[in-house]
């Protein structure tokens, strides 16, 4: 029996839910990119971190990061070459900041700046409750 996967740390979820192809046949097929795969591409390609640095930020070993990153790049290539949509979802992850719910507008937001007194990022209310 395989050992269960450890949780991978990501800073924040993607700002969007995915990408949709333009032109060509609009197929229902989509490539699912897990959140840890998204994070590996963000750290290695967008932020230009080495794989060692990215592994430390995600709380995994360098060989694990290499496997996750390789899988992510193959999925992106499949979407580009075959004209598939990309959807970001799932994965064994936890977020690097605290999350809260606004009592005024019911929005969910995180405290990525680690403020001692966070306020709602949408309406500015201080009536918030932590989400575990």
N, C-alpha and C. Protein backbone atom coordinates (compact mmCIF):
# COMPACT_ATOMS: atom_id res chain seq x y z
N UNK A 1 0.84 -1.18 0.00
CA UNK A 1 0.00 0.00 0.00
C UNK A 1 0.88 1.24 0.00
N UNK A 2 0.54 2.19 -0.84
CA UNK A 2 1.33 3.41 -0.98
C UNK A 2 1.15 4.32 0.24
N UNK A 3 2.20 5.05 0.53
CA UNK A 3 2.16 5.99 1.65
C UNK A 3 1.26 7.17 1.26
N UNK A 4 0.43 7.67 2.19
CA UNK A 4 -0.43 8.81 1.85
C UNK A 4 0.39 10.07 1.58
N UNK A 5 -0.11 10.91 0.69
CA UNK A 5 0.57 12.16 0.34
C UNK A 5 0.53 13.13 1.51
N UNK A 6 1.64 13.82 1.73
CA UNK A 6 1.66 14.91 2.69
C UNK A 6 1.00 16.13 2.07
N UNK A 7 0.48 17.01 2.90
CA UNK A 7 -0.09 18.25 2.40
C UNK A 7 1.02 19.15 1.87
N UNK A 8 0.73 19.85 0.79
CA UNK A 8 1.68 20.79 0.20
C UNK A 8 1.21 22.20 0.49
N UNK A 9 2.11 23.08 0.89
CA UNK A 9 1.76 24.44 1.27
C UNK A 9 1.72 25.33 0.04
N UNK A 10 0.63 26.08 -0.11
CA UNK A 10 0.57 27.10 -1.15
C UNK A 10 0.18 28.42 -0.50
N UNK A 11 0.66 29.51 -1.06
CA UNK A 11 0.40 30.83 -0.48
C UNK A 11 -1.06 31.21 -0.59
N UNK A 12 -1.58 31.20 -1.80
CA UNK A 12 -2.97 31.60 -2.07
C UNK A 12 -3.50 30.79 -3.23
N UNK A 13 -4.81 30.59 -3.30
CA UNK A 13 -5.37 29.91 -4.46
C UNK A 13 -5.24 30.79 -5.71
N UNK A 14 -5.35 30.22 -6.90
CA UNK A 14 -5.28 31.03 -8.12
C UNK A 14 -6.38 32.10 -8.11
N UNK A 15 -6.12 33.21 -8.77
CA UNK A 15 -7.10 34.29 -8.84
C UNK A 15 -8.24 33.96 -9.79
N UNK A 16 -8.03 32.96 -10.64
CA UNK A 16 -9.06 32.54 -11.60
C UNK A 16 -9.28 31.03 -11.45
N UNK A 17 -10.35 30.53 -12.05
CA UNK A 17 -10.66 29.10 -11.96
C UNK A 17 -10.07 28.28 -13.10
N UNK A 18 -9.56 28.95 -14.13
CA UNK A 18 -8.96 28.22 -15.24
C UNK A 18 -8.90 29.08 -16.49
N UNK A 19 -8.68 28.40 -17.61
CA UNK A 19 -8.59 29.06 -18.90
C UNK A 19 -9.46 28.31 -19.89
N UNK A 20 -10.04 29.08 -20.83
CA UNK A 20 -10.86 28.49 -21.86
C UNK A 20 -10.21 28.77 -23.21
N UNK A 21 -10.22 27.77 -24.07
CA UNK A 21 -9.60 27.94 -25.38
C UNK A 21 -10.40 28.92 -26.22
N UNK A 22 -9.72 29.55 -27.16
CA UNK A 22 -10.35 30.49 -28.07
C UNK A 22 -10.20 29.91 -29.47
N UNK A 23 -11.30 29.84 -30.22
CA UNK A 23 -11.26 29.29 -31.56
C UNK A 23 -11.25 27.78 -31.52
N UNK A 24 -11.27 27.17 -32.67
CA UNK A 24 -11.27 25.71 -32.72
C UNK A 24 -12.58 25.14 -32.21
N UNK A 25 -12.61 23.83 -32.04
CA UNK A 25 -13.80 23.17 -31.50
C UNK A 25 -13.86 23.41 -29.99
N UNK A 26 -15.04 23.72 -29.50
CA UNK A 26 -15.20 23.91 -28.06
C UNK A 26 -15.55 22.55 -27.45
N UNK A 27 -14.54 21.84 -27.02
CA UNK A 27 -14.76 20.51 -26.44
C UNK A 27 -15.06 20.63 -24.96
N UNK A 28 -15.69 19.64 -24.43
CA UNK A 28 -15.99 19.59 -23.01
C UNK A 28 -14.79 19.10 -22.21
N UNK A 29 -13.80 18.53 -22.90
CA UNK A 29 -12.62 18.02 -22.21
C UNK A 29 -11.84 19.17 -21.59
N UNK A 30 -11.42 18.95 -20.37
CA UNK A 30 -10.59 19.95 -19.70
C UNK A 30 -9.44 19.23 -19.01
N UNK A 31 -8.34 19.90 -18.93
CA UNK A 31 -7.18 19.39 -18.19
C UNK A 31 -7.29 19.95 -16.78
N UNK A 32 -7.28 19.07 -15.79
CA UNK A 32 -7.37 19.47 -14.39
C UNK A 32 -5.95 19.65 -13.85
N UNK A 33 -5.63 20.85 -13.43
CA UNK A 33 -4.34 21.14 -12.81
C UNK A 33 -4.58 21.32 -11.32
N UNK A 34 -4.02 20.44 -10.52
CA UNK A 34 -4.18 20.52 -9.08
C UNK A 34 -3.51 21.78 -8.56
N UNK A 35 -3.95 22.22 -7.38
CA UNK A 35 -3.43 23.47 -6.83
C UNK A 35 -1.93 23.40 -6.55
N UNK A 36 -1.42 22.23 -6.14
CA UNK A 36 0.03 22.14 -5.91
C UNK A 36 0.81 22.20 -7.22
N UNK A 37 0.20 21.73 -8.32
CA UNK A 37 0.83 21.84 -9.63
C UNK A 37 0.85 23.30 -10.09
N UNK A 38 -0.26 23.99 -9.87
CA UNK A 38 -0.32 25.43 -10.17
C UNK A 38 0.77 26.17 -9.39
N UNK A 39 0.89 25.86 -8.10
CA UNK A 39 1.87 26.54 -7.25
C UNK A 39 3.30 26.28 -7.74
N UNK A 40 3.58 25.06 -8.19
CA UNK A 40 4.93 24.75 -8.67
C UNK A 40 5.28 25.56 -9.92
N UNK A 41 4.32 25.72 -10.82
CA UNK A 41 4.55 26.54 -12.02
C UNK A 41 4.72 28.00 -11.64
N UNK A 42 3.89 28.47 -10.71
CA UNK A 42 4.00 29.86 -10.28
C UNK A 42 5.38 30.14 -9.68
N UNK A 43 5.84 29.25 -8.80
CA UNK A 43 7.11 29.48 -8.12
C UNK A 43 8.31 29.34 -9.07
N UNK A 44 8.31 28.28 -9.88
CA UNK A 44 9.47 28.01 -10.74
C UNK A 44 9.51 28.87 -11.99
N UNK A 45 8.38 29.06 -12.65
CA UNK A 45 8.37 29.78 -13.92
C UNK A 45 8.06 31.27 -13.76
N UNK A 46 7.05 31.61 -12.98
CA UNK A 46 6.67 33.01 -12.84
C UNK A 46 7.62 33.77 -11.91
N UNK A 47 7.94 33.18 -10.76
CA UNK A 47 8.82 33.85 -9.80
C UNK A 47 10.29 33.50 -9.98
N UNK A 48 10.59 32.60 -10.91
CA UNK A 48 11.96 32.19 -11.24
C UNK A 48 12.76 31.66 -10.05
N UNK A 49 12.09 30.96 -9.15
CA UNK A 49 12.81 30.31 -8.06
C UNK A 49 13.44 29.02 -8.56
N UNK A 50 14.51 28.60 -7.93
CA UNK A 50 15.06 27.29 -8.25
C UNK A 50 14.11 26.24 -7.70
N UNK A 51 14.27 25.00 -8.16
CA UNK A 51 13.41 23.95 -7.63
C UNK A 51 13.66 23.73 -6.15
N UNK A 52 14.88 23.92 -5.70
CA UNK A 52 15.20 23.79 -4.27
C UNK A 52 14.46 24.85 -3.46
N UNK A 53 14.49 26.10 -3.93
CA UNK A 53 13.78 27.18 -3.24
C UNK A 53 12.27 26.97 -3.25
N UNK A 54 11.74 26.53 -4.39
CA UNK A 54 10.30 26.27 -4.50
C UNK A 54 9.88 25.13 -3.57
N UNK A 55 10.70 24.10 -3.47
CA UNK A 55 10.39 22.97 -2.60
C UNK A 55 10.32 23.42 -1.15
N UNK A 56 11.23 24.28 -0.75
CA UNK A 56 11.23 24.80 0.63
C UNK A 56 9.95 25.60 0.88
N UNK A 57 9.57 26.46 -0.06
CA UNK A 57 8.35 27.26 0.10
C UNK A 57 7.11 26.38 0.19
N UNK A 58 7.08 25.24 -0.54
CA UNK A 58 5.92 24.35 -0.53
C UNK A 58 5.98 23.32 0.60
N UNK A 59 7.11 23.24 1.29
CA UNK A 59 7.22 22.29 2.39
C UNK A 59 7.34 20.85 1.94
N UNK A 60 7.98 20.63 0.78
CA UNK A 60 8.18 19.28 0.25
C UNK A 60 9.65 19.09 -0.10
N UNK A 61 10.03 17.86 -0.40
CA UNK A 61 11.41 17.61 -0.81
C UNK A 61 11.60 18.07 -2.25
N UNK A 62 12.85 18.28 -2.65
CA UNK A 62 13.12 18.70 -4.02
C UNK A 62 12.68 17.66 -5.04
N UNK A 63 12.92 16.33 -4.80
CA UNK A 63 12.42 15.36 -5.77
C UNK A 63 10.89 15.37 -5.91
N UNK A 64 10.18 15.62 -4.81
CA UNK A 64 8.72 15.70 -4.88
C UNK A 64 8.30 16.91 -5.70
N UNK A 65 8.94 18.05 -5.46
CA UNK A 65 8.64 19.24 -6.25
C UNK A 65 8.90 18.98 -7.73
N UNK A 66 9.99 18.30 -8.04
CA UNK A 66 10.32 18.00 -9.44
C UNK A 66 9.22 17.16 -10.09
N UNK A 67 8.70 16.17 -9.38
CA UNK A 67 7.61 15.33 -9.92
C UNK A 67 6.34 16.15 -10.13
N UNK A 68 5.97 16.98 -9.15
CA UNK A 68 4.77 17.80 -9.26
C UNK A 68 4.91 18.78 -10.42
N UNK A 69 6.05 19.43 -10.53
CA UNK A 69 6.32 20.41 -11.58
C UNK A 69 6.30 19.77 -12.97
N UNK A 70 6.89 18.59 -13.08
CA UNK A 70 6.91 17.88 -14.36
C UNK A 70 5.49 17.51 -14.80
N UNK A 71 4.69 17.02 -13.87
CA UNK A 71 3.30 16.68 -14.18
C UNK A 71 2.53 17.91 -14.63
N UNK A 72 2.73 19.02 -13.94
CA UNK A 72 2.04 20.27 -14.28
C UNK A 72 2.39 20.72 -15.69
N UNK A 73 3.67 20.69 -16.03
CA UNK A 73 4.09 21.13 -17.37
C UNK A 73 3.53 20.23 -18.46
N UNK A 74 3.46 18.92 -18.20
CA UNK A 74 2.88 18.00 -19.18
C UNK A 74 1.40 18.31 -19.40
N UNK A 75 0.69 18.64 -18.32
CA UNK A 75 -0.73 18.97 -18.43
C UNK A 75 -0.94 20.26 -19.22
N UNK A 76 -0.11 21.26 -18.97
CA UNK A 76 -0.21 22.52 -19.72
C UNK A 76 0.08 22.26 -21.20
N UNK A 77 1.09 21.46 -21.49
CA UNK A 77 1.42 21.13 -22.88
C UNK A 77 0.26 20.40 -23.56
N UNK A 78 -0.36 19.47 -22.83
CA UNK A 78 -1.51 18.74 -23.39
C UNK A 78 -2.64 19.71 -23.73
N UNK A 79 -2.92 20.65 -22.85
CA UNK A 79 -3.98 21.63 -23.10
C UNK A 79 -3.65 22.49 -24.32
N UNK A 80 -2.40 22.94 -24.44
CA UNK A 80 -2.01 23.77 -25.58
C UNK A 80 -2.08 23.00 -26.89
N UNK A 81 -1.51 21.82 -26.92
CA UNK A 81 -1.41 21.06 -28.16
C UNK A 81 -2.76 20.52 -28.62
N UNK A 82 -3.57 20.03 -27.68
CA UNK A 82 -4.85 19.43 -28.03
C UNK A 82 -6.02 20.39 -27.94
N UNK A 83 -5.76 21.64 -27.60
CA UNK A 83 -6.83 22.65 -27.54
C UNK A 83 -7.84 22.40 -26.44
N UNK A 84 -7.38 22.01 -25.27
CA UNK A 84 -8.29 21.73 -24.15
C UNK A 84 -8.31 22.91 -23.19
N UNK A 85 -9.43 23.03 -22.49
CA UNK A 85 -9.52 24.03 -21.43
C UNK A 85 -8.69 23.58 -20.24
N UNK A 86 -8.32 24.53 -19.37
CA UNK A 86 -7.58 24.23 -18.15
C UNK A 86 -8.44 24.64 -16.97
N UNK A 87 -8.52 23.75 -15.97
CA UNK A 87 -9.27 24.04 -14.75
C UNK A 87 -8.34 23.81 -13.56
N UNK A 88 -8.31 24.77 -12.64
CA UNK A 88 -7.51 24.64 -11.41
C UNK A 88 -8.42 24.16 -10.29
N UNK A 89 -8.10 23.00 -9.73
CA UNK A 89 -8.90 22.51 -8.60
C UNK A 89 -8.23 21.33 -7.93
N UNK A 90 -8.60 21.12 -6.69
CA UNK A 90 -8.20 19.93 -5.95
C UNK A 90 -6.75 19.91 -5.54
N UNK A 91 -6.37 18.78 -4.98
CA UNK A 91 -5.01 18.58 -4.54
C UNK A 91 -4.93 18.48 -3.03
N UNK A 92 -3.83 17.99 -2.54
CA UNK A 92 -3.59 17.85 -1.10
C UNK A 92 -2.80 19.07 -0.64
N UNK A 93 -3.49 20.16 -0.36
CA UNK A 93 -2.82 21.41 -0.05
C UNK A 93 -3.40 22.04 1.22
N UNK A 94 -2.62 22.97 1.76
CA UNK A 94 -3.13 23.88 2.78
C UNK A 94 -2.58 25.26 2.46
N UNK A 95 -3.28 26.28 2.92
CA UNK A 95 -2.90 27.65 2.59
C UNK A 95 -2.01 28.23 3.68
N UNK A 96 -1.11 29.10 3.26
CA UNK A 96 -0.09 29.67 4.13
C UNK A 96 -0.60 30.84 4.96
N UNK A 97 -1.88 31.15 4.93
CA UNK A 97 -2.38 32.27 5.70
C UNK A 97 -3.72 31.91 6.33
N UNK A 98 -4.14 32.71 7.28
CA UNK A 98 -5.40 32.49 7.98
C UNK A 98 -6.56 32.98 7.11
N UNK A 99 -7.70 32.27 7.20
CA UNK A 99 -8.89 32.63 6.43
C UNK A 99 -9.99 33.10 7.37
N UNK A 100 -10.80 34.05 6.89
CA UNK A 100 -11.85 34.65 7.70
C UNK A 100 -13.13 34.78 6.88
N UNK A 101 -14.26 34.90 7.62
CA UNK A 101 -15.56 35.16 6.99
C UNK A 101 -16.09 36.47 7.56
N UNK A 102 -16.55 37.34 6.67
CA UNK A 102 -17.08 38.63 7.08
C UNK A 102 -18.51 38.46 7.58
N UNK A 103 -18.81 39.01 8.76
CA UNK A 103 -20.16 38.95 9.30
C UNK A 103 -21.09 39.93 8.64
N UNK A 104 -20.56 40.89 7.90
CA UNK A 104 -21.36 41.91 7.25
C UNK A 104 -21.78 41.49 5.83
N UNK A 105 -20.82 41.08 5.00
CA UNK A 105 -21.13 40.76 3.60
C UNK A 105 -20.95 39.28 3.27
N UNK A 106 -20.55 38.46 4.25
CA UNK A 106 -20.37 37.00 4.10
C UNK A 106 -19.27 36.60 3.13
N UNK A 107 -18.38 37.51 2.76
CA UNK A 107 -17.29 37.13 1.86
C UNK A 107 -16.20 36.38 2.65
N UNK A 108 -15.46 35.56 1.95
CA UNK A 108 -14.32 34.85 2.52
C UNK A 108 -13.05 35.54 2.06
N UNK A 109 -12.11 35.70 2.95
CA UNK A 109 -10.85 36.32 2.58
C UNK A 109 -9.75 35.79 3.49
N UNK A 110 -8.51 35.97 3.06
CA UNK A 110 -7.39 35.49 3.87
C UNK A 110 -6.57 36.65 4.39
N UNK A 111 -5.76 36.34 5.38
CA UNK A 111 -4.91 37.34 6.02
C UNK A 111 -3.48 37.12 5.57
N UNK A 112 -3.24 37.25 4.27
CA UNK A 112 -1.92 36.95 3.71
C UNK A 112 -0.84 37.90 4.21
N UNK A 113 -1.23 39.06 4.71
CA UNK A 113 -0.24 40.00 5.24
C UNK A 113 -0.03 39.79 6.74
N UNK A 114 -0.75 38.83 7.31
CA UNK A 114 -0.63 38.46 8.72
C UNK A 114 -0.84 39.67 9.64
N UNK A 115 -1.89 40.45 9.36
CA UNK A 115 -2.23 41.60 10.19
C UNK A 115 -2.79 41.14 11.53
N UNK A 116 -2.53 41.88 12.60
CA UNK A 116 -3.03 41.49 13.92
C UNK A 116 -4.54 41.72 14.02
N UNK A 117 -5.08 42.73 13.32
CA UNK A 117 -6.52 42.99 13.30
C UNK A 117 -6.97 43.04 11.84
N UNK A 118 -7.22 41.88 11.24
CA UNK A 118 -7.65 41.89 9.84
C UNK A 118 -9.04 42.47 9.68
N UNK A 119 -9.30 43.05 8.51
CA UNK A 119 -10.62 43.55 8.19
C UNK A 119 -11.03 43.01 6.82
N UNK A 120 -12.32 43.01 6.57
CA UNK A 120 -12.85 42.46 5.32
C UNK A 120 -12.25 43.20 4.13
N UNK A 121 -11.74 42.44 3.18
CA UNK A 121 -11.11 43.05 2.01
C UNK A 121 -12.14 43.59 1.03
N UNK A 122 -13.42 43.21 1.19
CA UNK A 122 -14.46 43.67 0.27
C UNK A 122 -15.19 44.91 0.79
N UNK A 123 -15.68 44.83 2.06
CA UNK A 123 -16.48 45.94 2.58
C UNK A 123 -15.78 46.73 3.70
N UNK A 124 -14.63 46.24 4.18
CA UNK A 124 -13.89 46.94 5.21
C UNK A 124 -14.37 46.71 6.63
N UNK A 125 -15.33 45.82 6.80
CA UNK A 125 -15.90 45.55 8.12
C UNK A 125 -14.88 44.89 9.03
N UNK A 126 -14.99 45.16 10.33
CA UNK A 126 -14.17 44.50 11.34
C UNK A 126 -14.93 43.35 12.00
N UNK A 127 -16.17 43.12 11.57
CA UNK A 127 -17.00 42.04 12.11
C UNK A 127 -16.68 40.75 11.35
N UNK A 128 -15.58 40.09 11.76
CA UNK A 128 -15.14 38.90 11.05
C UNK A 128 -14.96 37.75 12.04
N UNK A 129 -15.02 36.53 11.50
CA UNK A 129 -14.77 35.34 12.32
C UNK A 129 -13.75 34.47 11.60
N UNK A 130 -12.81 33.90 12.35
CA UNK A 130 -11.81 33.01 11.73
C UNK A 130 -12.45 31.71 11.25
N UNK A 131 -11.91 31.16 10.17
CA UNK A 131 -12.34 29.87 9.64
C UNK A 131 -11.20 28.89 9.88
N UNK A 132 -11.50 27.78 10.50
CA UNK A 132 -10.45 26.77 10.75
C UNK A 132 -10.38 25.80 9.61
